[in-house]
PDB file of N, CA and C in Angstrom:
ATOM      1  N   MET A   1       0.839  -1.179   0.000  1.00  0.00           N
ATOM      2  CA  MET A   1       0.000   0.000   0.000  1.00  0.00           C
ATOM      3  C   MET A   1       0.883   1.240   0.000  1.00  0.00           C
ATOM      4  N   LYS A   2       0.511   2.179  -0.828  1.00  0.00           N
ATOM      5  CA  LYS A   2       1.293   3.406  -0.928  1.00  0.00           C
ATOM      6  C   LYS A   2       1.028   4.309   0.270  1.00  0.00           C
ATOM      7  N   SER A   3       2.072   5.013   0.660  1.00  0.00           N
ATOM      8  CA  SER A   3       1.954   5.968   1.748  1.00  0.00           C
ATOM      9  C   SER A   3       1.810   7.366   1.152  1.00  0.00           C
ATOM     10  N   TYR A   4       0.921   8.123   1.708  1.00  0.00           N
ATOM     11  CA  TYR A   4       0.666   9.466   1.208  1.00  0.00           C
ATOM     12  C   TYR A   4       1.090  10.532   2.211  1.00  0.00           C
ATOM     13  N   LYS A   5       2.114  10.242   2.999  1.00  0.00           N
ATOM     14  CA  LYS A   5       2.568  11.191   4.015  1.00  0.00           C
ATOM     15  C   LYS A   5       3.093  12.481   3.400  1.00  0.00           C
ATOM     16  N   GLY A   6       3.838  12.387   2.317  1.00  0.00           N
ATOM     17  CA  GLY A   6       4.391  13.573   1.664  1.00  0.00           C
ATOM     18  C   GLY A   6       3.299  14.445   1.061  1.00  0.00           C
ATOM     19  N   ILE A   7       2.351  13.808   0.378  1.00  0.00           N
ATOM     20  CA  ILE A   7       1.232  14.550  -0.209  1.00  0.00           C
ATOM     21  C   ILE A   7       0.402  15.198   0.894  1.00  0.00           C
ATOM     22  N   LEU A   8       0.216  14.495   1.992  1.00  0.00           N
ATOM     23  CA  LEU A   8      -0.538  15.045   3.119  1.00  0.00           C
ATOM     24  C   LEU A   8       0.187  16.256   3.711  1.00  0.00           C
ATOM     25  N   LEU A   9       1.501  16.189   3.816  1.00  0.00           N
ATOM     26  CA  LEU A   9       2.286  17.306   4.323  1.00  0.00           C
ATOM     27  C   LEU A   9       2.151  18.533   3.417  1.00  0.00           C
ATOM     28  N   LEU A  10       2.228  18.325   2.115  1.00  0.00           N
ATOM     29  CA  LEU A  10       2.052  19.435   1.169  1.00  0.00           C
ATOM     30  C   LEU A  10       0.651  20.011   1.249  1.00  0.00           C
ATOM     31  N   THR A  11      -0.342  19.140   1.316  1.00  0.00           N
ATOM     32  CA  THR A  11      -1.728  19.591   1.378  1.00  0.00           C
ATOM     33  C   THR A  11      -1.991  20.402   2.641  1.00  0.00           C
ATOM     34  N   VAL A  12      -1.484  19.934   3.758  1.00  0.00           N
ATOM     35  CA  VAL A  12      -1.682  20.662   5.023  1.00  0.00           C
ATOM     36  C   VAL A  12      -1.024  22.030   4.963  1.00  0.00           C
ATOM     37  N   SER A  13       0.176  22.115   4.405  1.00  0.00           N
ATOM     38  CA  SER A  13       0.848  23.416   4.342  1.00  0.00           C
ATOM     39  C   SER A  13       0.134  24.379   3.399  1.00  0.00           C
ATOM     40  N   ILE A  14      -0.414  23.881   2.309  1.00  0.00           N
ATOM     41  CA  ILE A  14      -1.145  24.740   1.377  1.00  0.00           C
ATOM     42  C   ILE A  14      -2.468  25.197   1.993  1.00  0.00           C
ATOM     43  N   VAL A  15      -3.192  24.280   2.628  1.00  0.00           N
ATOM     44  CA  VAL A  15      -4.461  24.639   3.275  1.00  0.00           C
ATOM     45  C   VAL A  15      -4.214  25.615   4.422  1.00  0.00           C
ATOM     46  N   LEU A  16      -3.153  25.403   5.168  1.00  0.00           N
ATOM     47  CA  LEU A  16      -2.818  26.306   6.263  1.00  0.00           C
ATOM     48  C   LEU A  16      -2.475  27.705   5.749  1.00  0.00           C
ATOM     49  N   THR A  17      -1.769  27.772   4.633  1.00  0.00           N
ATOM     50  CA  THR A  17      -1.448  29.067   4.031  1.00  0.00           C
ATOM     51  C   THR A  17      -2.717  29.812   3.629  1.00  0.00           C
ATOM     52  N   VAL A  18      -3.622  29.117   2.954  1.00  0.00           N
ATOM     53  CA  VAL A  18      -4.876  29.745   2.529  1.00  0.00           C
ATOM     54  C   VAL A  18      -5.690  30.178   3.748  1.00  0.00           C
ATOM     55  N   TYR A  19      -5.768  29.321   4.753  1.00  0.00           N
ATOM     56  CA  TYR A  19      -6.548  29.643   5.947  1.00  0.00           C
ATOM     57  C   TYR A  19      -5.997  30.880   6.666  1.00  0.00           C
ATOM     58  N   ILE A  20      -4.701  30.949   6.814  1.00  0.00           N
ATOM     59  CA  ILE A  20      -4.111  32.088   7.531  1.00  0.00           C
ATOM     60  C   ILE A  20      -4.356  33.390   6.783  1.00  0.00           C
ATOM     61  N   TRP A  21      -4.178  33.404   5.463  1.00  0.00           N
ATOM     62  CA  TRP A  21      -4.407  34.645   4.714  1.00  0.00           C
ATOM     63  C   TRP A  21      -5.877  35.038   4.741  1.00  0.00           C
ATOM     64  N   LEU A  22      -6.779  34.060   4.664  1.00  0.00           N
ATOM     65  CA  LEU A  22      -8.206  34.384   4.711  1.00  0.00           C
ATOM     66  C   LEU A  22      -8.650  34.794   6.116  1.00  0.00           C
ATOM     67  N   ALA A  23      -8.067  34.187   7.137  1.00  0.00           N
ATOM     68  CA  ALA A  23      -8.445  34.517   8.509  1.00  0.00           C
ATOM     69  C   ALA A  23      -8.005  35.924   8.901  1.00  0.00           C
ATOM     70  N   THR A  24      -6.911  36.393   8.315  1.00  0.00           N
ATOM     71  CA  THR A  24      -6.454  37.748   8.623  1.00  0.00           C
ATOM     72  C   THR A  24      -7.188  38.796   7.801  1.00  0.00           C
ATOM     73  N   GLY A  25      -8.003  38.361   6.852  1.00  0.00           N
ATOM     74  CA  GLY A  25      -8.774  39.302   6.043  1.00  0.00           C
ATOM     75  C   GLY A  25      -8.022  39.857   4.849  1.00  0.00           C
ATOM     76  N   MET A  26      -6.858  39.331   4.580  1.00  0.00           N
ATOM     77  CA  MET A  26      -6.057  39.805   3.440  1.00  0.00           C
ATOM     78  C   MET A  26      -6.226  38.850   2.263  1.00  0.00           C
ATOM     79  N   THR A  27      -7.391  38.902   1.652  1.00  0.00           N
ATOM     80  CA  THR A  27      -7.696  37.963   0.581  1.00  0.00           C
ATOM     81  C   THR A  27      -6.874  38.210  -0.680  1.00  0.00           C
ATOM     82  N   ASN A  28      -6.360  39.408  -0.853  1.00  0.00           N
ATOM     83  CA  ASN A  28      -5.566  39.678  -2.054  1.00  0.00           C
ATOM     84  C   ASN A  28      -4.163  39.087  -1.957  1.00  0.00           C
ATOM     85  N   PHE A  29      -3.788  38.534  -0.801  1.00  0.00           N
ATOM     86  CA  PHE A  29      -2.475  37.914  -0.654  1.00  0.00           C
ATOM     87  C   PHE A  29      -2.524  36.396  -0.681  1.00  0.00           C
ATOM     88  N   VAL A  30      -3.672  35.814  -0.993  1.00  0.00           N
ATOM     89  CA  VAL A  30      -3.781  34.357  -1.034  1.00  0.00           C
ATOM     90  C   VAL A  30      -2.947  33.794  -2.174  1.00  0.00           C
ATOM     91  N   THR A  31      -3.069  34.353  -3.365  1.00  0.00           N
ATOM     92  CA  THR A  31      -2.317  33.851  -4.512  1.00  0.00           C
ATOM     93  C   THR A  31      -0.812  34.017  -4.336  1.00  0.00           C
ATOM     94  N   PRO A  32      -0.299  35.191  -3.928  1.00  0.00           N
ATOM     95  CA  PRO A  32       1.138  35.277  -3.699  1.00  0.00           C
ATOM     96  C   PRO A  32       1.614  34.381  -2.557  1.00  0.00           C
ATOM     97  N   GLY A  33       0.790  34.200  -1.545  1.00  0.00           N
ATOM     98  CA  GLY A  33       1.156  33.308  -0.456  1.00  0.00           C
ATOM     99  C   GLY A  33       1.267  31.867  -0.912  1.00  0.00           C
ATOM    100  N   LEU A  34       0.327  31.444  -1.761  1.00  0.00           N
ATOM    101  CA  LEU A  34       0.396  30.096  -2.327  1.00  0.00           C
ATOM    102  C   LEU A  34       1.608  29.943  -3.241  1.00  0.00           C
ATOM    103  N   ALA A  35       1.894  30.984  -4.016  1.00  0.00           N
ATOM    104  CA  ALA A  35       3.057  30.926  -4.898  1.00  0.00           C
ATOM    105  C   ALA A  35       4.339  30.779  -4.078  1.00  0.00           C
ATOM    106  N   LEU A  36       4.433  31.506  -2.992  1.00  0.00           N
ATOM    107  CA  LEU A  36       5.617  31.421  -2.138  1.00  0.00           C
ATOM    108  C   LEU A  36       5.710  30.062  -1.453  1.00  0.00           C
ATOM    109  N   THR A  37       4.587  29.527  -1.016  1.00  0.00           N
ATOM    110  CA  THR A  37       4.582  28.217  -0.368  1.00  0.00           C
ATOM    111  C   THR A  37       5.000  27.121  -1.339  1.00  0.00           C
ATOM    112  N   THR A  38       4.429  27.116  -2.535  1.00  0.00           N
ATOM    113  CA  THR A  38       4.787  26.085  -3.511  1.00  0.00           C
ATOM    114  C   THR A  38       6.218  26.242  -4.001  1.00  0.00           C
ATOM    115  N   LEU A  39       6.676  27.467  -4.148  1.00  0.00           N
ATOM    116  CA  LEU A  39       8.063  27.687  -4.555  1.00  0.00           C
ATOM    117  C   LEU A  39       9.023  27.222  -3.463  1.00  0.00           C
ATOM    118  N   SER A  40       8.683  27.455  -2.220  1.00  0.00           N
ATOM    119  CA  SER A  40       9.522  26.989  -1.114  1.00  0.00           C
ATOM    120  C   SER A  40       9.580  25.464  -1.072  1.00  0.00           C
ATOM    121  N   TRP A  41       8.445  24.819  -1.279  1.00  0.00           N
ATOM    122  CA  TRP A  41       8.444  23.356  -1.314  1.00  0.00           C
ATOM    123  C   TRP A  41       9.232  22.834  -2.501  1.00  0.00           C
ATOM    124  N   THR A  42       9.185  23.541  -3.619  1.00  0.00           N
ATOM    125  CA  THR A  42       9.968  23.135  -4.787  1.00  0.00           C
ATOM    126  C   THR A  42      11.458  23.132  -4.459  1.00  0.00           C
ATOM    127  N   PHE A  43      11.904  24.171  -3.784  1.00  0.00           N
ATOM    128  CA  PHE A  43      13.316  24.240  -3.399  1.00  0.00           C
ATOM    129  C   PHE A  43      13.670  23.158  -2.385  1.00  0.00           C
ATOM    130  N   MET A  44      12.787  22.894  -1.429  1.00  0.00           N
ATOM    131  CA  MET A  44      13.083  21.871  -0.427  1.00  0.00           C
ATOM    132  C   MET A  44      13.131  20.481  -1.041  1.00  0.00           C
ATOM    133  N   LEU A  45      12.261  20.213  -2.009  1.00  0.00           N
ATOM    134  CA  LEU A  45      12.274  18.901  -2.653  1.00  0.00           C
ATOM    135  C   LEU A  45      13.505  18.723  -3.539  1.00  0.00           C
ATOM    136  N   ALA A  46      14.071  19.801  -4.021  1.00  0.00           N
ATOM    137  CA  ALA A  46      15.253  19.708  -4.871  1.00  0.00           C
ATOM    138  C   ALA A  46      16.518  19.380  -4.077  1.00  0.00           C
ATOM    139  N   THR A  47      16.457  19.433  -2.754  1.00  0.00           N
ATOM    140  CA  THR A  47      17.638  19.156  -1.946  1.00  0.00           C
ATOM    141  C   THR A  47      17.951  17.673  -1.827  1.00  0.00           C
ATOM    142  N   ARG A  48      17.072  16.825  -2.254  1.00  0.00           N
ATOM    143  CA  ARG A  48      17.235  15.366  -2.195  1.00  0.00           C
ATOM    144  C   ARG A  48      17.444  14.873  -0.768  1.00  0.00           C
ATOM    145  N   SER A  49      16.677  15.425   0.156  1.00  0.00           N
ATOM    146  CA  SER A  49      16.757  15.029   1.554  1.00  0.00           C
ATOM    147  C   SER A  49      16.247  13.598   1.727  1.00  0.00           C
ATOM    148  N   ARG A  50      16.956  12.827   2.529  1.00  0.00           N
ATOM    149  CA  ARG A  50      16.545  11.431   2.767  1.00  0.00           C
ATOM    150  C   ARG A  50      15.217  11.355   3.513  1.00  0.00           C
ATOM    151  N   LEU A  51      14.984  12.298   4.402  1.00  0.00           N
ATOM    152  CA  LEU A  51      13.713  12.320   5.130  1.00  0.00           C
ATOM    153  C   LEU A  51      12.549  12.564   4.175  1.00  0.00           C
ATOM    154  N   LEU A  52      12.692  13.560   3.298  1.00  0.00           N
ATOM    155  CA  LEU A  52      11.631  13.833   2.327  1.00  0.00           C
ATOM    156  C   LEU A  52      11.487  12.683   1.341  1.00  0.00           C
ATOM    157  N   GLU A  53      12.595  12.054   0.991  1.00  0.00           N
ATOM    158  CA  GLU A  53      12.542  10.911   0.074  1.00  0.00           C
ATOM    159  C   GLU A  53      11.728   9.778   0.678  1.00  0.00           C
ATOM    160  N   LYS A  54      11.859   9.558   1.982  1.00  0.00           N
ATOM    161  CA  LYS A  54      11.058   8.525   2.647  1.00  0.00           C
ATOM    162  C   LYS A  54       9.587   8.913   2.691  1.00  0.00           C
ATOM    163  N   LEU A  55       9.303  10.193   2.907  1.00  0.00           N
ATOM    164  CA  LEU A  55       7.909  10.639   2.961  1.00  0.00           C
ATOM    165  C   LEU A  55       7.199  10.489   1.616  1.00  0.00           C
ATOM    166  N   PHE A  56       7.960  10.663   0.531  1.00  0.00           N
ATOM    167  CA  PHE A  56       7.359  10.606  -0.803  1.00  0.00           C
ATOM    168  C   PHE A  56       7.562   9.266  -1.499  1.00  0.00           C
ATOM    169  N   ASN A  57       8.076   8.272  -0.785  1.00  0.00           N
ATOM    170  CA  ASN A  57       8.281   6.921  -1.329  1.00  0.00           C
ATOM    171  C   ASN A  57       9.229   6.888  -2.519  1.00  0.00           C
ATOM    172  N   GLY A  58      10.377   7.477  -2.370  1.00  0.00           N
ATOM    173  CA  GLY A  58      11.396   7.393  -3.416  1.00  0.00           C
ATOM    174  C   GLY A  58      11.651   8.727  -4.091  1.00  0.00           C
ATOM    175  N   ILE A  59      12.840   8.796  -4.663  1.00  0.00           N
ATOM    176  CA  ILE A  59      13.273  10.051  -5.273  1.00  0.00           C
ATOM    177  C   ILE A  59      12.535  10.327  -6.582  1.00  0.00           C
ATOM    178  N   GLU A  60      12.108   9.278  -7.288  1.00  0.00           N
ATOM    179  CA  GLU A  60      11.405   9.492  -8.554  1.00  0.00           C
ATOM    180  C   GLU A  60      10.071  10.191  -8.329  1.00  0.00           C
ATOM    181  N   ARG A  61       9.342   9.716  -7.335  1.00  0.00           N
ATOM    182  CA  ARG A  61       8.048  10.333  -7.040  1.00  0.00           C
ATOM    183  C   ARG A  61       8.233  11.738  -6.471  1.00  0.00           C
ATOM    184  N   MET A  62       9.290  11.907  -5.673  1.00  0.00           N
ATOM    185  CA  MET A  62       9.571  13.222  -5.104  1.00  0.00           C
ATOM    186  C   MET A  62       9.881  14.222  -6.216  1.00  0.00           C
ATOM    187  N   TYR A  63      10.650  13.802  -7.220  1.00  0.00           N
ATOM    188  CA  TYR A  63      10.953  14.698  -8.330  1.00  0.00           C
ATOM    189  C   TYR A  63       9.737  14.961  -9.218  1.00  0.00           C
ATOM    190  N   ALA A  64       8.829  14.012  -9.314  1.00  0.00           N
ATOM    191  CA  ALA A  64       7.596  14.244 -10.075  1.00  0.00           C
ATOM    192  C   ALA A  64       6.749  15.316  -9.385  1.00  0.00           C
ATOM    193  N   ILE A  65       6.676  15.255  -8.076  1.00  0.00           N
ATOM    194  CA  ILE A  65       5.934  16.267  -7.317  1.00  0.00           C
ATOM    195  C   ILE A  65       6.668  17.600  -7.374  1.00  0.00           C
ATOM    196  N   HIS A  66       7.997  17.561  -7.365  1.00  0.00           N
ATOM    197  CA  HIS A  66       8.816  18.769  -7.520  1.00  0.00           C
ATOM    198  C   HIS A  66       8.495  19.470  -8.842  1.00  0.00           C
ATOM    199  N   LYS A  67       8.394  18.690  -9.914  1.00  0.00           N
ATOM    200  CA  LYS A  67       8.067  19.249 -11.230  1.00  0.00           C
ATOM    201  C   LYS A  67       6.668  19.867 -11.236  1.00  0.00           C
ATOM    202  N   PHE A  68       5.698  19.171 -10.653  1.00  0.00           N
ATOM    203  CA  PHE A  68       4.332  19.680 -10.587  1.00  0.00           C
ATOM    204  C   PHE A  68       4.268  20.982  -9.790  1.00  0.00           C
ATOM    205  N   LEU A  69       4.950  21.024  -8.650  1.00  0.00           N
ATOM    206  CA  LEU A  69       4.931  22.228  -7.822  1.00  0.00           C
ATOM    207  C   LEU A  69       5.637  23.392  -8.502  1.00  0.00           C
ATOM    208  N   ALA A  70       6.687  23.115  -9.266  1.00  0.00           N
ATOM    209  CA  ALA A  70       7.375  24.190  -9.984  1.00  0.00           C
ATOM    210  C   ALA A  70       6.455  24.819 -11.024  1.00  0.00           C
ATOM    211  N   ILE A  71       5.742  23.996 -11.757  1.00  0.00           N
ATOM    212  CA  ILE A  71       4.800  24.505 -12.757  1.00  0.00           C
ATOM    213  C   ILE A  71       3.672  25.277 -12.082  1.00  0.00           C
ATOM    214  N   LEU A  72       3.149  24.740 -10.986  1.00  0.00           N
ATOM    215  CA  LEU A  72       2.073  25.406 -10.251  1.00  0.00           C
ATOM    216  C   LEU A  72       2.530  26.748  -9.695  1.00  0.00           C
ATOM    217  N   SER A  73       3.740  26.821  -9.178  1.00  0.00           N
ATOM    218  CA  SER A  73       4.218  28.089  -8.610  1.00  0.00           C
ATOM    219  C   SER A  73       4.408  29.145  -9.691  1.00  0.00           C
ATOM    220  N   VAL A  74       4.859  28.756 -10.884  1.00  0.00           N
ATOM    221  CA  VAL A  74       4.995  29.730 -11.979  1.00  0.00           C
ATOM    222  C   VAL A  74       3.622  30.231 -12.413  1.00  0.00           C
ATOM    223  N   ILE A  75       2.651  29.339 -12.486  1.00  0.00           N
ATOM    224  CA  ILE A  75       1.289  29.748 -12.842  1.00  0.00           C
ATOM    225  C   ILE A  75       0.733  30.712 -11.795  1.00  0.00           C
ATOM    226  N   LEU A  76       0.950  30.412 -10.519  1.00  0.00           N
ATOM    227  CA  LEU A  76       0.467  31.295  -9.460  1.00  0.00           C
ATOM    228  C   LEU A  76       1.170  32.646  -9.494  1.00  0.00           C
ATOM    229  N   LEU A  77       2.442  32.669  -9.823  1.00  0.00           N
ATOM    230  CA  LEU A  77       3.164  33.940  -9.929  1.00  0.00           C
ATOM    231  C   LEU A  77       2.633  34.788 -11.075  1.00  0.00           C
ATOM    232  N   VAL A  78       2.271  34.144 -12.177  1.00  0.00           N
ATOM    233  CA  VAL A  78       1.685  34.878 -13.305  1.00  0.00           C
ATOM    234  C   VAL A  78       0.332  35.463 -12.902  1.00  0.00           C
ATOM    235  N   PHE A  79      -0.497  34.663 -12.227  1.00  0.00           N
ATOM    236  CA  PHE A  79      -1.791  35.174 -11.762  1.00  0.00           C
ATOM    237  C   PHE A  79      -1.624  36.300 -10.764  1.00  0.00           C
ATOM    238  N   HIS A  80      -0.580  36.214  -9.956  1.00  0.00           N
ATOM    239  CA  HIS A  80      -0.306  37.280  -8.999  1.00  0.00           C
ATOM    240  C   HIS A  80       0.042  38.571  -9.734  1.00  0.00           C
ATOM    241  N   ASN A  81       0.863  38.476 -10.760  1.00  0.00           N
ATOM    242  CA  ASN A  81       1.224  39.667 -11.540  1.00  0.00           C
ATOM    243  C   ASN A  81       0.021  40.242 -12.269  1.00  0.00           C
ATOM    244  N   ILE A  82      -0.821  39.378 -12.815  1.00  0.00           N
ATOM    245  CA  ILE A  82      -2.037  39.858 -13.496  1.00  0.00           C
ATOM    246  C   ILE A  82      -2.948  40.553 -12.509  1.00  0.00           C
ATOM    247  N   GLY A  83      -3.097  39.977 -11.307  1.00  0.00           N
ATOM    248  CA  GLY A  83      -3.961  40.571 -10.281  1.00  0.00           C
ATOM    249  C   GLY A  83      -3.444  41.908  -9.785  1.00  0.00           C
ATOM    250  N   MET A  84      -2.145  42.092  -9.789  1.00  0.00           N
ATOM    251  CA  MET A  84      -1.565  43.362  -9.337  1.00  0.00           C
ATOM    252  C   MET A  84      -1.509  44.393 -10.465  1.00  0.00           C
ATOM    253  N   GLY A  85      -1.852  43.977 -11.678  1.00  0.00           N
ATOM    254  CA  GLY A  85      -1.918  44.905 -12.796  1.00  0.00           C
ATOM    255  C   GLY A  85      -0.577  45.239 -13.418  1.00  0.00           C
ATOM    256  N   SER A  86       0.411  44.380 -13.241  1.00  0.00           N
ATOM    257  CA  SER A  86       1.724  44.695 -13.786  1.00  0.00           C
ATOM    258  C   SER A  86       2.091  43.870 -15.008  1.00  0.00           C
ATOM    259  N   LEU A  87       1.175  43.072 -15.520  1.00  0.00           N
ATOM    260  CA  LEU A  87       1.496  42.271 -16.700  1.00  0.00           C
ATOM    261  C   LEU A  87       0.691  42.750 -17.885  1.00  0.00           C
TER     262      LEU A  87
END
């Protein structure tokens, strides 16, 4: 049976980011906050940490999630720029 500890960790951090920005009433910072969170996770997954490798069941799956998060963070950064009116 596959373990989803790594995916659960990512999901909790993303949900927590959204909750904190919405709870403070700063709804216009949700997208940049998500972009920063996903970009930070992208950098952490690129370190090839043995602990993270165990959470994601191998380096191949960890790099697949790294690729997905990198694409997602670039998309969120573009939406952030569009929302701020600078693109």
